[in-house]
Amino acid sequence: MTDDPIERETPVRAQDAASVARRLEAILFVVDEPQSLVSLATAVGSPVAAVRQAVEGLVEDYDGLAGGPRRGFELREVGGGWRLYVRDDHDDLVSEFVNSQAPSRLSQAALETLAVIAYKQPVTRGQVASIRAVNVDSVVRTLLSRGLITEVFTDAETGAINYGTTEALLVNLGINSLDELPHISPLLDDGADGFDAEVVR
């Protein structure tokens, strides 16, 4: 038993534990990045010990170890944080369903986000948002659902997911590798505007 009063385990009443678990589920269903126990505790306004206990209970519940059915999703710890994921054995089913529901054309915002990821990969959602100067959460979800981008790895320190493009993008573009993407430099402003013709050395 630890002497740290923050981490010290204290009994949690069943009613309180159920309330914490319900609030956690509400948060976990909307997050895109794995959340640490501390950030989850802050979000639901409960002690870390109570959140840890609730998370363990949810894992058992979803895995069918608490007497109920095994769910089609799971609560998984990735990169020091927790997030809901579709179980591996349902990946093909979900992918087929999502792709059948997706519109045939991408929006301008989706195309711009896809271009940033293609040229900067591996890149986090936050980095893409910084480059585009807009929130890209929903656009990234769309690109993931279309199978054009994928989660490459999760940063061990920050828990941020890094994204990259998939083979499906190459097929759609009609190229064999990312090396065949057009060079972007000629399309950018050379930065000469506003400077004198002669550069003082």
Protein backbone atom coordinates (compact mmCIF):
# COMPACT_ATOMS: atom_id res chain seq x y z
CA MET A 1 0.00 0.00 0.00
CA THR A 2 1.47 3.34 -1.04
CA ASP A 3 1.90 6.32 1.28
CA ASP A 4 0.92 8.71 -1.50
CA PRO A 5 -2.54 10.03 -0.56
CA ILE A 6 -3.38 10.60 -4.25
CA GLU A 7 -2.65 7.00 -5.24
CA ARG A 8 -3.87 5.33 -2.02
CA GLU A 9 -6.62 2.84 -2.80
CA THR A 10 -9.84 3.56 -0.92
CA PRO A 11 -13.04 1.51 -1.01
CA VAL A 12 -15.49 2.79 -3.62
CA ARG A 13 -19.19 2.22 -2.96
CA ALA A 14 -20.95 0.17 -5.65
CA GLN A 15 -23.30 3.05 -6.51
CA ASP A 16 -20.40 5.48 -6.85
CA ALA A 17 -18.38 2.96 -8.92
CA ALA A 18 -21.31 2.49 -11.32
CA SER A 19 -21.65 6.25 -11.71
CA VAL A 20 -17.94 6.64 -12.46
CA ALA A 21 -18.11 3.81 -15.02
CA ARG A 22 -21.09 5.40 -16.81
CA ARG A 23 -19.34 8.78 -17.01
CA LEU A 24 -16.17 7.10 -18.26
CA GLU A 25 -18.09 5.32 -21.03
CA ALA A 26 -19.54 8.64 -22.17
CA ILE A 27 -16.03 10.12 -22.47
CA LEU A 28 -14.45 7.02 -24.03
CA PHE A 29 -17.05 6.88 -26.78
CA VAL A 30 -16.04 10.30 -28.12
CA VAL A 31 -12.25 10.46 -27.70
CA ASP A 32 -9.95 9.90 -30.69
CA GLU A 33 -6.72 9.50 -28.75
CA PRO A 34 -5.87 7.17 -25.83
CA GLN A 35 -6.51 8.93 -22.50
CA SER A 36 -4.39 8.47 -19.38
CA LEU A 37 -6.03 7.61 -16.05
CA VAL A 38 -5.22 11.12 -14.83
CA SER A 39 -6.91 12.82 -17.79
CA LEU A 40 -9.92 10.51 -17.47
CA ALA A 41 -10.12 11.25 -13.75
CA THR A 42 -10.07 14.97 -14.50
CA ALA A 43 -12.75 14.58 -17.17
CA VAL A 44 -15.20 12.70 -14.94
CA GLY A 45 -14.29 14.52 -11.71
CA SER A 46 -13.32 11.39 -9.77
CA PRO A 47 -10.17 10.20 -7.97
CA VAL A 48 -7.60 8.29 -10.01
CA ALA A 49 -8.10 5.21 -7.82
CA ALA A 50 -11.84 5.18 -8.55
CA VAL A 51 -11.22 5.62 -12.28
CA ARG A 52 -8.65 2.80 -12.30
CA GLN A 53 -11.16 0.52 -10.60
CA ALA A 54 -13.91 1.53 -13.05
CA VAL A 55 -11.65 0.98 -16.07
CA GLU A 56 -10.74 -2.50 -14.84
CA GLY A 57 -14.45 -3.22 -14.39
CA LEU A 58 -15.28 -2.00 -17.91
CA VAL A 59 -12.52 -4.15 -19.41
CA GLU A 60 -13.93 -7.23 -17.68
CA ASP A 61 -17.47 -6.29 -18.68
CA TYR A 62 -16.61 -5.81 -22.37
CA ASP A 63 -14.55 -9.03 -22.38
CA GLY A 64 -17.53 -10.98 -21.05
CA LEU A 65 -15.83 -11.82 -17.77
CA ALA A 66 -18.50 -10.19 -15.61
CA GLY A 67 -21.26 -12.60 -16.59
CA GLY A 68 -22.48 -10.73 -19.67
CA PRO A 69 -21.75 -11.23 -23.38
CA ARG A 70 -18.37 -10.49 -24.93
CA ARG A 71 -18.81 -7.17 -26.74
CA GLY A 72 -17.82 -6.40 -30.31
CA PHE A 73 -15.50 -3.70 -28.99
CA GLU A 74 -12.86 -3.62 -26.28
CA LEU A 75 -11.26 -1.13 -23.93
CA ARG A 76 -7.55 -1.31 -24.63
CA GLU A 77 -4.50 0.37 -23.09
CA VAL A 78 -2.28 1.85 -25.81
CA GLY A 79 0.70 4.14 -25.29
CA GLY A 80 -0.08 4.72 -21.62
CA GLY A 81 -3.72 5.62 -22.28
CA TRP A 82 -7.11 3.98 -22.69
CA ARG A 83 -9.38 3.97 -25.74
CA LEU A 84 -12.24 1.91 -27.20
CA TYR A 85 -11.39 -0.22 -30.24
CA VAL A 86 -13.34 -2.58 -32.48
CA ARG A 87 -12.20 -6.14 -31.80
CA ASP A 88 -9.78 -7.50 -34.38
CA ASP A 89 -12.15 -10.26 -35.48
CA HIS A 90 -14.71 -7.63 -36.56
CA ASP A 91 -12.33 -5.37 -38.51
CA ASP A 92 -13.38 -6.66 -41.95
CA LEU A 93 -17.08 -6.41 -41.12
CA VAL A 94 -16.81 -2.82 -39.87
CA SER A 95 -14.56 -1.77 -42.74
CA GLU A 96 -16.97 -3.17 -45.32
CA PHE A 97 -19.94 -1.49 -43.64
CA VAL A 98 -18.27 1.90 -43.30
CA ASN A 99 -17.01 1.87 -46.87
CA SER A 100 -20.48 1.01 -48.15
CA GLN A 101 -21.91 4.00 -46.28
CA ALA A 102 -19.22 6.46 -47.37
CA PRO A 103 -19.92 9.01 -50.10
CA SER A 104 -18.07 8.56 -53.38
CA ARG A 105 -16.42 11.97 -53.30
CA LEU A 106 -14.22 13.58 -50.66
CA SER A 107 -14.83 17.11 -49.47
CA GLN A 108 -12.28 19.86 -50.07
CA ALA A 109 -11.36 19.72 -46.38
CA ALA A 110 -10.77 15.97 -46.61
CA LEU A 111 -8.62 16.36 -49.73
CA GLU A 112 -6.50 19.05 -48.06
CA THR A 113 -6.07 16.96 -44.92
CA LEU A 114 -5.18 13.90 -46.99
CA ALA A 115 -2.56 15.92 -48.88
CA VAL A 116 -0.95 17.07 -45.61
CA ILE A 117 -0.81 13.50 -44.31
CA ALA A 118 0.55 12.17 -47.61
CA TYR A 119 3.42 14.66 -47.69
CA LYS A 120 4.21 14.89 -43.96
CA GLN A 121 3.63 11.30 -42.76
CA PRO A 122 3.97 9.99 -40.19
CA VAL A 123 2.06 12.92 -38.67
CA THR A 124 -0.26 13.41 -35.70
CA ARG A 125 -3.76 14.85 -35.82
CA GLY A 126 -2.52 17.86 -33.85
CA GLN A 127 0.24 18.54 -36.37
CA VAL A 128 -2.23 18.35 -39.26
CA ALA A 129 -4.58 20.71 -37.43
CA SER A 130 -1.69 23.13 -36.87
CA ILE A 131 -0.78 23.13 -40.57
CA ARG A 132 -4.38 23.58 -41.74
CA ALA A 133 -5.29 25.92 -38.85
CA VAL A 134 -8.62 24.13 -38.35
CA ASN A 135 -9.93 21.19 -36.33
CA VAL A 136 -9.48 18.00 -38.36
CA ASP A 137 -11.02 15.38 -36.04
CA SER A 138 -14.06 14.56 -38.18
CA VAL A 139 -12.04 14.69 -41.41
CA VAL A 140 -9.47 12.25 -40.05
CA ARG A 141 -12.29 9.89 -39.02
CA THR A 142 -13.67 10.10 -42.57
CA LEU A 143 -10.30 9.31 -44.12
CA LEU A 144 -9.83 6.39 -41.71
CA SER A 145 -13.27 5.04 -42.55
CA ARG A 146 -12.50 5.27 -46.28
CA GLY A 147 -9.28 3.30 -45.74
CA LEU A 148 -7.14 6.08 -47.21
CA ILE A 149 -5.11 6.60 -44.03
CA THR A 150 -4.20 4.35 -41.14
CA GLU A 151 -2.79 4.54 -37.61
CA VAL A 152 0.93 3.93 -38.06
CA PHE A 153 2.06 4.04 -34.43
CA THR A 154 1.32 5.68 -31.09
CA ASP A 155 3.92 7.95 -29.51
CA ALA A 156 5.01 6.27 -26.27
CA GLU A 157 5.51 9.59 -24.48
CA THR A 158 2.51 11.66 -25.58
CA GLY A 159 0.04 8.94 -26.56
CA ALA A 160 -0.58 10.80 -29.83
CA ILE A 161 -1.45 8.60 -32.80
CA ASN A 162 0.67 9.10 -35.92
CA TYR A 163 -1.10 8.65 -39.24
CA GLY A 164 0.09 7.60 -42.66
CA THR A 165 -1.48 6.79 -46.01
CA THR A 166 -2.48 3.31 -47.20
CA GLU A 167 -2.14 1.26 -50.37
CA ALA A 168 -5.73 2.27 -51.16
CA LEU A 169 -4.57 5.86 -51.70
CA LEU A 170 -1.91 4.73 -54.17
CA VAL A 171 -4.53 2.71 -56.06
CA ASN A 172 -6.91 5.68 -56.17
CA LEU A 173 -4.14 7.98 -57.40
CA GLY A 174 -2.88 5.41 -59.92
CA ILE A 175 0.69 5.44 -58.63
CA ASN A 176 3.00 2.73 -57.30
CA SER A 177 4.63 4.61 -54.45
CA LEU A 178 4.61 7.91 -52.60
CA ASP A 179 7.81 8.81 -54.48
CA GLU A 180 5.60 9.41 -57.51
CA LEU A 181 3.67 12.20 -55.81
CA PRO A 182 4.32 15.54 -57.54
CA HIS A 183 7.00 17.65 -55.90
CA ILE A 184 5.28 20.31 -53.85
CA SER A 185 8.07 22.91 -53.88
CA PRO A 186 7.23 24.39 -57.32
CA LEU A 187 3.66 24.96 -56.13
CA LEU A 188 4.67 27.01 -53.11
CA ASP A 189 5.39 30.72 -52.84
CA ASP A 190 9.16 31.21 -52.98
CA GLY A 191 8.94 33.87 -50.27
CA ALA A 192 10.53 36.55 -52.46
CA ASP A 193 7.60 38.95 -52.27
CA GLY A 194 8.38 41.94 -50.10
CA PHE A 195 12.16 41.65 -50.42
CA ASP A 196 14.49 43.78 -52.50
CA ALA A 197 15.83 42.27 -55.70
CA GLU A 198 19.36 42.40 -54.36
CA VAL A 199 20.22 40.45 -51.24
CA VAL A 200 22.76 42.09 -48.96
CA ARG A 201 25.42 39.57 -48.12
